[in-house]
Amino acid sequence: MSESIFLLSLWVLGVCLIGFVVCPKVTSRQSGSRRVLRCLAVLAGVGIPVLGLVTMQHGPWVGLLSLVGGFALLVMSMARTAPQPDTSPS
């Protein structure tokens, strides 16, 4: 396995840990949402160079598949941690 695919798998593991394990346990909406956005910004900042390395070593199609997969993980983790609207009757 090449180092770019290894780094990509570590990045995916980080997204899964932060987005699906750590962030849903946040209790305060205001400070929690800022922390979630900060974590996702760091993950995106790390993921972009890893995506470039994957594309450089394995070609544009593997890079495109990695981009779509990473985007799907980030969107799913943001959807899980978004504050839900209050639908209780007044």
N, C-alpha and C. Protein backbone atom coordinates (compact mmCIF):
# COMPACT_ATOMS: atom_id res chain seq x y z
N MET A 1 0.85 -1.16 0.00
CA MET A 1 0.00 0.00 0.00
C MET A 1 0.90 1.23 0.00
N SER A 2 0.58 2.19 -0.83
CA SER A 2 1.40 3.39 -0.92
C SER A 2 1.11 4.32 0.27
N GLU A 3 2.04 5.24 0.49
CA GLU A 3 1.87 6.14 1.64
C GLU A 3 0.69 7.08 1.47
N SER A 4 0.32 7.41 0.24
CA SER A 4 -0.82 8.30 0.05
C SER A 4 -2.13 7.61 0.43
N ILE A 5 -2.29 6.36 0.08
CA ILE A 5 -3.49 5.61 0.45
C ILE A 5 -3.53 5.39 1.96
N PHE A 6 -2.37 5.16 2.56
CA PHE A 6 -2.29 5.03 4.01
C PHE A 6 -2.71 6.33 4.70
N LEU A 7 -2.21 7.47 4.21
CA LEU A 7 -2.60 8.76 4.78
C LEU A 7 -4.09 9.03 4.59
N LEU A 8 -4.61 8.64 3.44
CA LEU A 8 -6.03 8.82 3.18
C LEU A 8 -6.87 7.97 4.14
N SER A 9 -6.44 6.76 4.41
CA SER A 9 -7.18 5.91 5.35
C SER A 9 -7.09 6.47 6.77
N LEU A 10 -5.95 7.05 7.16
CA LEU A 10 -5.86 7.70 8.46
C LEU A 10 -6.79 8.90 8.54
N TRP A 11 -6.89 9.66 7.44
CA TRP A 11 -7.78 10.81 7.41
C TRP A 11 -9.24 10.37 7.55
N VAL A 12 -9.61 9.30 6.86
CA VAL A 12 -10.97 8.77 6.95
C VAL A 12 -11.26 8.31 8.38
N LEU A 13 -10.29 7.68 9.01
CA LEU A 13 -10.46 7.26 10.40
C LEU A 13 -10.66 8.48 11.31
N GLY A 14 -9.91 9.55 11.07
CA GLY A 14 -10.08 10.78 11.84
C GLY A 14 -11.45 11.39 11.66
N VAL A 15 -11.94 11.41 10.43
CA VAL A 15 -13.29 11.95 10.17
C VAL A 15 -14.34 11.12 10.89
N CYS A 16 -14.19 9.81 10.82
CA CYS A 16 -15.17 8.95 11.49
C CYS A 16 -15.13 9.13 13.00
N LEU A 17 -13.95 9.22 13.57
CA LEU A 17 -13.85 9.40 15.02
C LEU A 17 -14.41 10.74 15.45
N ILE A 18 -14.04 11.80 14.77
CA ILE A 18 -14.51 13.13 15.17
C ILE A 18 -15.97 13.34 14.82
N GLY A 19 -16.36 12.96 13.63
CA GLY A 19 -17.71 13.24 13.19
C GLY A 19 -18.79 12.35 13.77
N PHE A 20 -18.45 11.10 14.06
CA PHE A 20 -19.48 10.16 14.49
C PHE A 20 -19.37 9.72 15.94
N VAL A 21 -18.23 9.94 16.57
CA VAL A 21 -18.05 9.50 17.96
C VAL A 21 -17.94 10.68 18.90
N VAL A 22 -17.07 11.62 18.61
CA VAL A 22 -16.79 12.72 19.52
C VAL A 22 -17.88 13.78 19.46
N CYS A 23 -18.25 14.22 18.28
CA CYS A 23 -19.16 15.36 18.13
C CYS A 23 -20.58 15.10 18.60
N PRO A 24 -21.19 13.93 18.42
CA PRO A 24 -22.55 13.76 18.95
C PRO A 24 -22.64 13.83 20.46
N LYS A 25 -21.53 13.68 21.17
CA LYS A 25 -21.54 13.74 22.62
C LYS A 25 -21.49 15.17 23.14
N VAL A 26 -21.38 16.15 22.26
CA VAL A 26 -21.32 17.55 22.67
C VAL A 26 -22.70 17.95 23.17
N THR A 27 -22.75 18.55 24.37
CA THR A 27 -24.05 18.89 24.95
C THR A 27 -24.46 20.33 24.66
N SER A 28 -23.55 21.27 24.76
CA SER A 28 -23.89 22.66 24.53
C SER A 28 -23.94 22.94 23.04
N ARG A 29 -25.05 23.51 22.58
CA ARG A 29 -25.21 23.73 21.14
C ARG A 29 -24.26 24.80 20.62
N GLN A 30 -24.15 25.91 21.32
CA GLN A 30 -23.35 27.03 20.80
C GLN A 30 -21.87 26.69 20.78
N SER A 31 -21.31 26.32 21.94
CA SER A 31 -19.88 26.03 21.96
C SER A 31 -19.58 24.73 21.23
N GLY A 32 -20.52 23.79 21.26
CA GLY A 32 -20.32 22.53 20.57
C GLY A 32 -20.27 22.69 19.07
N SER A 33 -21.15 23.55 18.53
CA SER A 33 -21.16 23.71 17.08
C SER A 33 -19.89 24.41 16.60
N ARG A 34 -19.37 25.33 17.39
CA ARG A 34 -18.10 25.96 17.03
C ARG A 34 -16.96 24.96 17.06
N ARG A 35 -16.99 24.09 18.06
CA ARG A 35 -15.93 23.08 18.16
C ARG A 35 -16.02 22.10 17.00
N VAL A 36 -17.24 21.73 16.63
CA VAL A 36 -17.43 20.81 15.50
C VAL A 36 -16.92 21.45 14.21
N LEU A 37 -17.28 22.72 13.99
CA LEU A 37 -16.82 23.39 12.77
C LEU A 37 -15.31 23.55 12.76
N ARG A 38 -14.70 23.80 13.90
CA ARG A 38 -13.25 23.89 13.98
C ARG A 38 -12.61 22.54 13.66
N CYS A 39 -13.17 21.47 14.20
CA CYS A 39 -12.64 20.13 13.91
C CYS A 39 -12.76 19.79 12.43
N LEU A 40 -13.92 20.12 11.84
CA LEU A 40 -14.10 19.82 10.43
C LEU A 40 -13.22 20.68 9.54
N ALA A 41 -12.95 21.93 9.98
CA ALA A 41 -12.03 22.78 9.21
C ALA A 41 -10.62 22.22 9.24
N VAL A 42 -10.20 21.71 10.39
CA VAL A 42 -8.87 21.09 10.48
C VAL A 42 -8.80 19.84 9.61
N LEU A 43 -9.87 19.04 9.65
CA LEU A 43 -9.89 17.84 8.80
C LEU A 43 -9.86 18.18 7.33
N ALA A 44 -10.56 19.24 6.92
CA ALA A 44 -10.51 19.65 5.52
C ALA A 44 -9.14 20.19 5.17
N GLY A 45 -8.52 20.93 6.08
CA GLY A 45 -7.17 21.45 5.83
C GLY A 45 -6.12 20.36 5.70
N VAL A 46 -6.31 19.26 6.41
CA VAL A 46 -5.39 18.13 6.28
C VAL A 46 -5.75 17.29 5.06
N GLY A 47 -7.04 17.18 4.76
CA GLY A 47 -7.49 16.32 3.67
C GLY A 47 -7.14 16.83 2.29
N ILE A 48 -7.07 18.14 2.11
CA ILE A 48 -6.78 18.69 0.79
C ILE A 48 -5.38 18.31 0.31
N PRO A 49 -4.32 18.47 1.12
CA PRO A 49 -3.00 18.01 0.65
C PRO A 49 -2.92 16.49 0.45
N VAL A 50 -3.62 15.73 1.31
CA VAL A 50 -3.64 14.28 1.14
C VAL A 50 -4.32 13.92 -0.17
N LEU A 51 -5.40 14.62 -0.50
CA LEU A 51 -6.08 14.39 -1.77
C LEU A 51 -5.17 14.70 -2.96
N GLY A 52 -4.40 15.77 -2.85
CA GLY A 52 -3.44 16.09 -3.91
C GLY A 52 -2.39 15.02 -4.07
N LEU A 53 -1.91 14.47 -2.95
CA LEU A 53 -0.91 13.40 -3.01
C LEU A 53 -1.49 12.14 -3.63
N VAL A 54 -2.72 11.80 -3.27
CA VAL A 54 -3.37 10.62 -3.86
C VAL A 54 -3.54 10.82 -5.36
N THR A 55 -3.97 12.01 -5.77
CA THR A 55 -4.16 12.28 -7.19
C THR A 55 -2.84 12.24 -7.95
N MET A 56 -1.79 12.75 -7.34
CA MET A 56 -0.47 12.76 -8.00
C MET A 56 0.07 11.34 -8.18
N GLN A 57 -0.12 10.49 -7.18
CA GLN A 57 0.46 9.15 -7.25
C GLN A 57 -0.40 8.14 -7.99
N HIS A 58 -1.73 8.32 -7.95
CA HIS A 58 -2.60 7.28 -8.50
C HIS A 58 -3.48 7.74 -9.65
N GLY A 59 -3.41 9.00 -10.02
CA GLY A 59 -4.16 9.47 -11.18
C GLY A 59 -5.44 10.18 -10.80
N PRO A 60 -6.05 10.82 -11.81
CA PRO A 60 -7.21 11.67 -11.54
C PRO A 60 -8.47 10.90 -11.15
N TRP A 61 -8.64 9.67 -11.63
CA TRP A 61 -9.87 8.95 -11.29
C TRP A 61 -9.87 8.51 -9.83
N VAL A 62 -8.76 8.05 -9.34
CA VAL A 62 -8.67 7.68 -7.92
C VAL A 62 -8.78 8.93 -7.05
N GLY A 63 -8.20 10.05 -7.51
CA GLY A 63 -8.34 11.30 -6.79
C GLY A 63 -9.78 11.77 -6.74
N LEU A 64 -10.50 11.61 -7.85
CA LEU A 64 -11.90 12.01 -7.89
C LEU A 64 -12.75 11.13 -6.97
N LEU A 65 -12.50 9.84 -6.96
CA LEU A 65 -13.23 8.95 -6.05
C LEU A 65 -12.93 9.29 -4.60
N SER A 66 -11.68 9.64 -4.30
CA SER A 66 -11.31 10.04 -2.94
C SER A 66 -12.00 11.34 -2.56
N LEU A 67 -12.09 12.27 -3.49
CA LEU A 67 -12.76 13.55 -3.23
C LEU A 67 -14.23 13.33 -2.92
N VAL A 68 -14.90 12.52 -3.71
CA VAL A 68 -16.32 12.26 -3.49
C VAL A 68 -16.54 11.53 -2.17
N GLY A 69 -15.70 10.57 -1.86
CA GLY A 69 -15.82 9.85 -0.59
C GLY A 69 -15.58 10.75 0.61
N GLY A 70 -14.55 11.59 0.53
CA GLY A 70 -14.28 12.52 1.63
C GLY A 70 -15.39 13.53 1.81
N PHE A 71 -15.92 14.03 0.71
CA PHE A 71 -17.03 14.98 0.78
C PHE A 71 -18.25 14.33 1.41
N ALA A 72 -18.53 13.10 1.05
CA ALA A 72 -19.69 12.40 1.63
C ALA A 72 -19.51 12.21 3.13
N LEU A 73 -18.31 11.86 3.57
CA LEU A 73 -18.07 11.69 5.00
C LEU A 73 -18.23 13.00 5.76
N LEU A 74 -17.70 14.09 5.20
CA LEU A 74 -17.82 15.38 5.88
C LEU A 74 -19.28 15.84 5.94
N VAL A 75 -20.03 15.64 4.87
CA VAL A 75 -21.44 16.04 4.87
C VAL A 75 -22.23 15.21 5.86
N MET A 76 -21.98 13.91 5.91
CA MET A 76 -22.70 13.06 6.85
C MET A 76 -22.37 13.43 8.29
N SER A 77 -21.11 13.74 8.58
CA SER A 77 -20.76 14.09 9.95
C SER A 77 -21.33 15.45 10.33
N MET A 78 -21.41 16.39 9.38
CA MET A 78 -22.02 17.68 9.69
C MET A 78 -23.53 17.54 9.87
N ALA A 79 -24.17 16.66 9.11
CA ALA A 79 -25.61 16.47 9.24
C ALA A 79 -25.96 15.84 10.58
N ARG A 80 -25.11 14.97 11.08
CA ARG A 80 -25.37 14.34 12.37
C ARG A 80 -25.21 15.31 13.52
N THR A 81 -24.33 16.29 13.39
CA THR A 81 -24.04 17.19 14.50
C THR A 81 -24.79 18.51 14.40
N ALA A 82 -25.57 18.72 13.35
CA ALA A 82 -26.31 19.98 13.21
C ALA A 82 -27.42 20.03 14.26
N PRO A 83 -27.63 21.21 14.87
CA PRO A 83 -28.70 21.31 15.85
C PRO A 83 -30.07 21.10 15.20
N GLN A 84 -30.89 20.32 15.84
CA GLN A 84 -32.22 20.01 15.32
C GLN A 84 -33.20 21.10 15.74
N PRO A 85 -34.10 21.51 14.84
CA PRO A 85 -35.08 22.53 15.21
C PRO A 85 -36.07 21.99 16.24
N ASP A 86 -36.55 22.87 17.08
CA ASP A 86 -37.51 22.50 18.10
C ASP A 86 -38.90 22.39 17.47
N THR A 87 -39.44 21.18 17.46
CA THR A 87 -40.74 20.96 16.82
C THR A 87 -41.84 20.69 17.83
N SER A 88 -41.58 20.97 19.11
CA SER A 88 -42.61 20.74 20.12
C SER A 88 -43.72 21.79 20.00
N PRO A 89 -44.97 21.40 20.21
CA PRO A 89 -46.06 22.37 20.09
C PRO A 89 -45.99 23.40 21.21
N SER A 90 -46.32 24.63 20.89
CA SER A 90 -46.22 25.71 21.88
C SER A 90 -47.48 25.82 22.72
